[in-house]
Amino acid sequence: MPSRVLITETLSDAAAKLLAQHAEVVWCPYDSSQLDQQLAQAEGLVVRTYTIVNESFLDKA
């Protein structure tokens, strides 16, 4: 079973397609009410500029 990777911000089509070849990709915006639930189920995380990853955020993983 492939790893589940959460993406919180936009990626280029090429990057998203490459990642999807190796993992189950789940898109959930960083400001979504579903983020905590999706984060708890993810094995990987792709962020860019606006997603703040700190101790509180990681505690939800």
PDB file of N, CA and C in Angstrom:
ATOM      1  N   MET A   1       0.849  -1.178   0.000  1.00  0.00           N
ATOM      2  CA  MET A   1       0.000   0.000   0.000  1.00  0.00           C
ATOM      3  C   MET A   1       0.896   1.243   0.000  1.00  0.00           C
ATOM      4  N   PRO A   2       0.635   2.181  -0.901  1.00  0.00           N
ATOM      5  CA  PRO A   2       1.480   3.381  -0.962  1.00  0.00           C
ATOM      6  C   PRO A   2       1.260   4.290   0.248  1.00  0.00           C
ATOM      7  N   SER A   3       2.269   5.060   0.544  1.00  0.00           N
ATOM      8  CA  SER A   3       2.167   6.037   1.628  1.00  0.00           C
ATOM      9  C   SER A   3       1.146   7.101   1.273  1.00  0.00           C
ATOM     10  N   ARG A   4       0.493   7.623   2.278  1.00  0.00           N
ATOM     11  CA  ARG A   4      -0.494   8.691   2.094  1.00  0.00           C
ATOM     12  C   ARG A   4       0.209  10.022   2.360  1.00  0.00           C
ATOM     13  N   VAL A   5       0.213  10.892   1.360  1.00  0.00           N
ATOM     14  CA  VAL A   5       0.899  12.175   1.460  1.00  0.00           C
ATOM     15  C   VAL A   5      -0.123  13.296   1.350  1.00  0.00           C
ATOM     16  N   LEU A   6      -0.085  14.193   2.296  1.00  0.00           N
ATOM     17  CA  LEU A   6      -1.002  15.323   2.344  1.00  0.00           C
ATOM     18  C   LEU A   6      -0.336  16.545   1.726  1.00  0.00           C
ATOM     19  N   ILE A   7      -1.040  17.190   0.807  1.00  0.00           N
ATOM     20  CA  ILE A   7      -0.566  18.426   0.186  1.00  0.00           C
ATOM     21  C   ILE A   7      -1.498  19.540   0.633  1.00  0.00           C
ATOM     22  N   THR A   8      -0.927  20.603   1.195  1.00  0.00           N
ATOM     23  CA  THR A   8      -1.751  21.683   1.732  1.00  0.00           C
ATOM     24  C   THR A   8      -1.794  22.924   0.848  1.00  0.00           C
ATOM     25  N   GLU A   9      -0.922  22.966  -0.150  1.00  0.00           N
ATOM     26  CA  GLU A   9      -0.887  24.122  -1.048  1.00  0.00           C
ATOM     27  C   GLU A   9      -0.631  23.633  -2.469  1.00  0.00           C
ATOM     28  N   THR A  10      -0.851  24.497  -3.427  1.00  0.00           N
ATOM     29  CA  THR A  10      -0.725  24.090  -4.825  1.00  0.00           C
ATOM     30  C   THR A  10       0.701  23.669  -5.167  1.00  0.00           C
ATOM     31  N   LEU A  11       0.771  22.698  -6.055  1.00  0.00           N
ATOM     32  CA  LEU A  11       2.034  22.242  -6.630  1.00  0.00           C
ATOM     33  C   LEU A  11       1.905  22.325  -8.141  1.00  0.00           C
ATOM     34  N   SER A  12       3.022  22.318  -8.808  1.00  0.00           N
ATOM     35  CA  SER A  12       2.961  22.254 -10.266  1.00  0.00           C
ATOM     36  C   SER A  12       2.353  20.913 -10.658  1.00  0.00           C
ATOM     37  N   ASP A  13       1.748  20.866 -11.823  1.00  0.00           N
ATOM     38  CA  ASP A  13       1.163  19.615 -12.303  1.00  0.00           C
ATOM     39  C   ASP A  13       2.213  18.516 -12.384  1.00  0.00           C
ATOM     40  N   ALA A  14       3.401  18.864 -12.847  1.00  0.00           N
ATOM     41  CA  ALA A  14       4.468  17.870 -12.990  1.00  0.00           C
ATOM     42  C   ALA A  14       4.855  17.290 -11.630  1.00  0.00           C
ATOM     43  N   ALA A  15       4.984  18.136 -10.627  1.00  0.00           N
ATOM     44  CA  ALA A  15       5.355  17.661  -9.290  1.00  0.00           C
ATOM     45  C   ALA A  15       4.258  16.787  -8.696  1.00  0.00           C
ATOM     46  N   ALA A  16       3.015  17.193  -8.854  1.00  0.00           N
ATOM     47  CA  ALA A  16       1.894  16.416  -8.321  1.00  0.00           C
ATOM     48  C   ALA A  16       1.793  15.056  -9.008  1.00  0.00           C
ATOM     49  N   LYS A  17       1.998  15.017 -10.313  1.00  0.00           N
ATOM     50  CA  LYS A  17       1.939  13.751 -11.050  1.00  0.00           C
ATOM     51  C   LYS A  17       3.071  12.818 -10.635  1.00  0.00           C
ATOM     52  N   LEU A  18       4.256  13.358 -10.459  1.00  0.00           N
ATOM     53  CA  LEU A  18       5.391  12.546 -10.029  1.00  0.00           C
ATOM     54  C   LEU A  18       5.139  11.960  -8.644  1.00  0.00           C
ATOM     55  N   LEU A  19       4.666  12.773  -7.740  1.00  0.00           N
ATOM     56  CA  LEU A  19       4.369  12.300  -6.391  1.00  0.00           C
ATOM     57  C   LEU A  19       3.281  11.230  -6.415  1.00  0.00           C
ATOM     58  N   ALA A  20       2.271  11.422  -7.241  1.00  0.00           N
ATOM     59  CA  ALA A  20       1.162  10.467  -7.330  1.00  0.00           C
ATOM     60  C   ALA A  20       1.603   9.105  -7.866  1.00  0.00           C
ATOM     61  N   GLN A  21       2.724   9.057  -8.561  1.00  0.00           N
ATOM     62  CA  GLN A  21       3.248   7.777  -9.044  1.00  0.00           C
ATOM     63  C   GLN A  21       3.824   6.939  -7.907  1.00  0.00           C
ATOM     64  N   HIS A  22       4.106   7.580  -6.773  1.00  0.00           N
ATOM     65  CA  HIS A  22       4.784   6.898  -5.677  1.00  0.00           C
ATOM     66  C   HIS A  22       4.011   6.907  -4.368  1.00  0.00           C
ATOM     67  N   ALA A  23       2.901   7.623  -4.320  1.00  0.00           N
ATOM     68  CA  ALA A  23       2.155   7.750  -3.071  1.00  0.00           C
ATOM     69  C   ALA A  23       0.691   8.051  -3.363  1.00  0.00           C
ATOM     70  N   GLU A  24      -0.129   7.816  -2.362  1.00  0.00           N
ATOM     71  CA  GLU A  24      -1.525   8.251  -2.432  1.00  0.00           C
ATOM     72  C   GLU A  24      -1.535   9.726  -2.041  1.00  0.00           C
ATOM     73  N   VAL A  25      -1.900  10.576  -2.954  1.00  0.00           N
ATOM     74  CA  VAL A  25      -1.864  12.015  -2.726  1.00  0.00           C
ATOM     75  C   VAL A  25      -3.246  12.507  -2.309  1.00  0.00           C
ATOM     76  N   VAL A  26      -3.281  13.257  -1.212  1.00  0.00           N
ATOM     77  CA  VAL A  26      -4.522  13.836  -0.711  1.00  0.00           C
ATOM     78  C   VAL A  26      -4.332  15.345  -0.651  1.00  0.00           C
ATOM     79  N   TRP A  27      -5.224  16.077  -1.295  1.00  0.00           N
ATOM     80  CA  TRP A  27      -5.171  17.535  -1.298  1.00  0.00           C
ATOM     81  C   TRP A  27      -6.120  18.056  -0.225  1.00  0.00           C
ATOM     82  N   CYS A  28      -5.598  18.857   0.696  1.00  0.00           N
ATOM     83  CA  CYS A  28      -6.414  19.481   1.734  1.00  0.00           C
ATOM     84  C   CYS A  28      -5.799  20.843   2.039  1.00  0.00           C
ATOM     85  N   PRO A  29      -6.471  21.921   1.694  1.00  0.00           N
ATOM     86  CA  PRO A  29      -5.916  23.250   1.929  1.00  0.00           C
ATOM     87  C   PRO A  29      -5.577  23.486   3.403  1.00  0.00           C
ATOM     88  N   TYR A  30      -4.547  24.275   3.632  1.00  0.00           N
ATOM     89  CA  TYR A  30      -4.072  24.539   4.991  1.00  0.00           C
ATOM     90  C   TYR A  30      -5.117  25.228   5.863  1.00  0.00           C
ATOM     91  N   ASP A  31      -6.114  25.864   5.257  1.00  0.00           N
ATOM     92  CA  ASP A  31      -7.146  26.545   6.041  1.00  0.00           C
ATOM     93  C   ASP A  31      -8.468  25.766   6.074  1.00  0.00           C
ATOM     94  N   SER A  32      -8.428  24.501   5.693  1.00  0.00           N
ATOM     95  CA  SER A  32      -9.629  23.665   5.671  1.00  0.00           C
ATOM     96  C   SER A  32      -9.981  23.161   7.070  1.00  0.00           C
ATOM     97  N   SER A  33     -11.269  23.027   7.324  1.00  0.00           N
ATOM     98  CA  SER A  33     -11.715  22.462   8.600  1.00  0.00           C
ATOM     99  C   SER A  33     -11.373  20.974   8.696  1.00  0.00           C
ATOM    100  N   GLN A  34     -11.040  20.348   7.583  1.00  0.00           N
ATOM    101  CA  GLN A  34     -10.697  18.926   7.547  1.00  0.00           C
ATOM    102  C   GLN A  34      -9.202  18.662   7.743  1.00  0.00           C
ATOM    103  N   LEU A  35      -8.406  19.710   7.868  1.00  0.00           N
ATOM    104  CA  LEU A  35      -6.952  19.537   7.917  1.00  0.00           C
ATOM    105  C   LEU A  35      -6.510  18.623   9.055  1.00  0.00           C
ATOM    106  N   ASP A  36      -7.014  18.824  10.258  1.00  0.00           N
ATOM    107  CA  ASP A  36      -6.584  17.999  11.395  1.00  0.00           C
ATOM    108  C   ASP A  36      -6.867  16.524  11.143  1.00  0.00           C
ATOM    109  N   GLN A  37      -8.033  16.220  10.621  1.00  0.00           N
ATOM    110  CA  GLN A  37      -8.403  14.832  10.338  1.00  0.00           C
ATOM    111  C   GLN A  37      -7.494  14.239   9.262  1.00  0.00           C
ATOM    112  N   GLN A  38      -7.259  14.983   8.207  1.00  0.00           N
ATOM    113  CA  GLN A  38      -6.402  14.491   7.128  1.00  0.00           C
ATOM    114  C   GLN A  38      -4.954  14.336   7.596  1.00  0.00           C
ATOM    115  N   LEU A  39      -4.494  15.264   8.409  1.00  0.00           N
ATOM    116  CA  LEU A  39      -3.123  15.208   8.911  1.00  0.00           C
ATOM    117  C   LEU A  39      -2.906  13.966   9.767  1.00  0.00           C
ATOM    118  N   ALA A  40      -3.887  13.616  10.567  1.00  0.00           N
ATOM    119  CA  ALA A  40      -3.771  12.440  11.437  1.00  0.00           C
ATOM    120  C   ALA A  40      -3.639  11.147  10.637  1.00  0.00           C
ATOM    121  N   GLN A  41      -4.128  11.140   9.409  1.00  0.00           N
ATOM    122  CA  GLN A  41      -4.088   9.938   8.572  1.00  0.00           C
ATOM    123  C   GLN A  41      -2.902   9.911   7.607  1.00  0.00           C
ATOM    124  N   ALA A  42      -2.162  10.993   7.539  1.00  0.00           N
ATOM    125  CA  ALA A  42      -1.078  11.111   6.555  1.00  0.00           C
ATOM    126  C   ALA A  42       0.234  10.548   7.088  1.00  0.00           C
ATOM    127  N   GLU A  43       1.042  10.071   6.163  1.00  0.00           N
ATOM    128  CA  GLU A  43       2.388   9.610   6.487  1.00  0.00           C
ATOM    129  C   GLU A  43       3.447  10.584   5.989  1.00  0.00           C
ATOM    130  N   GLY A  44       3.022  11.514   5.150  1.00  0.00           N
ATOM    131  CA  GLY A  44       3.924  12.527   4.616  1.00  0.00           C
ATOM    132  C   GLY A  44       3.175  13.826   4.430  1.00  0.00           C
ATOM    133  N   LEU A  45       3.921  14.910   4.309  1.00  0.00           N
ATOM    134  CA  LEU A  45       3.321  16.234   4.205  1.00  0.00           C
ATOM    135  C   LEU A  45       4.138  17.080   3.236  1.00  0.00           C
ATOM    136  N   VAL A  46       3.445  17.727   2.298  1.00  0.00           N
ATOM    137  CA  VAL A  46       4.093  18.658   1.374  1.00  0.00           C
ATOM    138  C   VAL A  46       3.490  20.030   1.628  1.00  0.00           C
ATOM    139  N   VAL A  47       4.348  20.983   1.982  1.00  0.00           N
ATOM    140  CA  VAL A  47       3.904  22.354   2.232  1.00  0.00           C
ATOM    141  C   VAL A  47       4.735  23.299   1.371  1.00  0.00           C
ATOM    142  N   ARG A  48       4.265  24.532   1.286  1.00  0.00           N
ATOM    143  CA  ARG A  48       5.027  25.549   0.560  1.00  0.00           C
ATOM    144  C   ARG A  48       5.180  26.774   1.450  1.00  0.00           C
ATOM    145  N   THR A  49       4.447  27.823   1.173  1.00  0.00           N
ATOM    146  CA  THR A  49       4.680  29.102   1.828  1.00  0.00           C
ATOM    147  C   THR A  49       3.796  29.366   3.038  1.00  0.00           C
ATOM    148  N   TYR A  50       2.522  29.071   2.948  1.00  0.00           N
ATOM    149  CA  TYR A  50       1.564  29.538   3.944  1.00  0.00           C
ATOM    150  C   TYR A  50       1.286  28.560   5.079  1.00  0.00           C
ATOM    151  N   THR A  51       1.583  27.300   4.894  1.00  0.00           N
ATOM    152  CA  THR A  51       1.348  26.319   5.945  1.00  0.00           C
ATOM    153  C   THR A  51       2.445  26.441   6.990  1.00  0.00           C
ATOM    154  N   ILE A  52       2.061  26.726   8.210  1.00  0.00           N
ATOM    155  CA  ILE A  52       3.030  26.865   9.293  1.00  0.00           C
ATOM    156  C   ILE A  52       3.128  25.531  10.023  1.00  0.00           C
ATOM    157  N   VAL A  53       4.302  24.940   9.963  1.00  0.00           N
ATOM    158  CA  VAL A  53       4.535  23.657  10.621  1.00  0.00           C
ATOM    159  C   VAL A  53       5.317  23.933  11.900  1.00  0.00           C
ATOM    160  N   ASN A  54       4.644  23.722  13.018  1.00  0.00           N
ATOM    161  CA  ASN A  54       5.273  23.925  14.317  1.00  0.00           C
ATOM    162  C   ASN A  54       4.909  22.741  15.215  1.00  0.00           C
ATOM    163  N   GLU A  55       5.278  22.799  16.461  1.00  0.00           N
ATOM    164  CA  GLU A  55       5.038  21.680  17.376  1.00  0.00           C
ATOM    165  C   GLU A  55       3.548  21.369  17.507  1.00  0.00           C
ATOM    166  N   SER A  56       2.730  22.390  17.607  1.00  0.00           N
ATOM    167  CA  SER A  56       1.284  22.200  17.717  1.00  0.00           C
ATOM    168  C   SER A  56       0.724  21.499  16.482  1.00  0.00           C
ATOM    169  N   PHE A  57       1.200  21.893  15.321  1.00  0.00           N
ATOM    170  CA  PHE A  57       0.766  21.280  14.065  1.00  0.00           C
ATOM    171  C   PHE A  57       1.172  19.808  14.033  1.00  0.00           C
ATOM    172  N   LEU A  58       2.412  19.529  14.391  1.00  0.00           N
ATOM    173  CA  LEU A  58       2.913  18.156  14.346  1.00  0.00           C
ATOM    174  C   LEU A  58       2.260  17.261  15.391  1.00  0.00           C
ATOM    175  N   ASP A  59       1.809  17.827  16.497  1.00  0.00           N
ATOM    176  CA  ASP A  59       1.109  17.038  17.511  1.00  0.00           C
ATOM    177  C   ASP A  59      -0.182  16.434  16.962  1.00  0.00           C
ATOM    178  N   LYS A  60      -0.724  17.020  15.921  1.00  0.00           N
ATOM    179  CA  LYS A  60      -1.966  16.526  15.315  1.00  0.00           C
ATOM    180  C   LYS A  60      -1.715  15.389  14.333  1.00  0.00           C
ATOM    181  N   ALA A  61      -0.459  15.163  14.017  1.00  0.00           N
ATOM    182  CA  ALA A  61      -0.105  14.124  13.044  1.00  0.00           C
ATOM    183  C   ALA A  61      -0.179  12.740  13.663  1.00  0.00           C
TER     184      ALA A  61
END
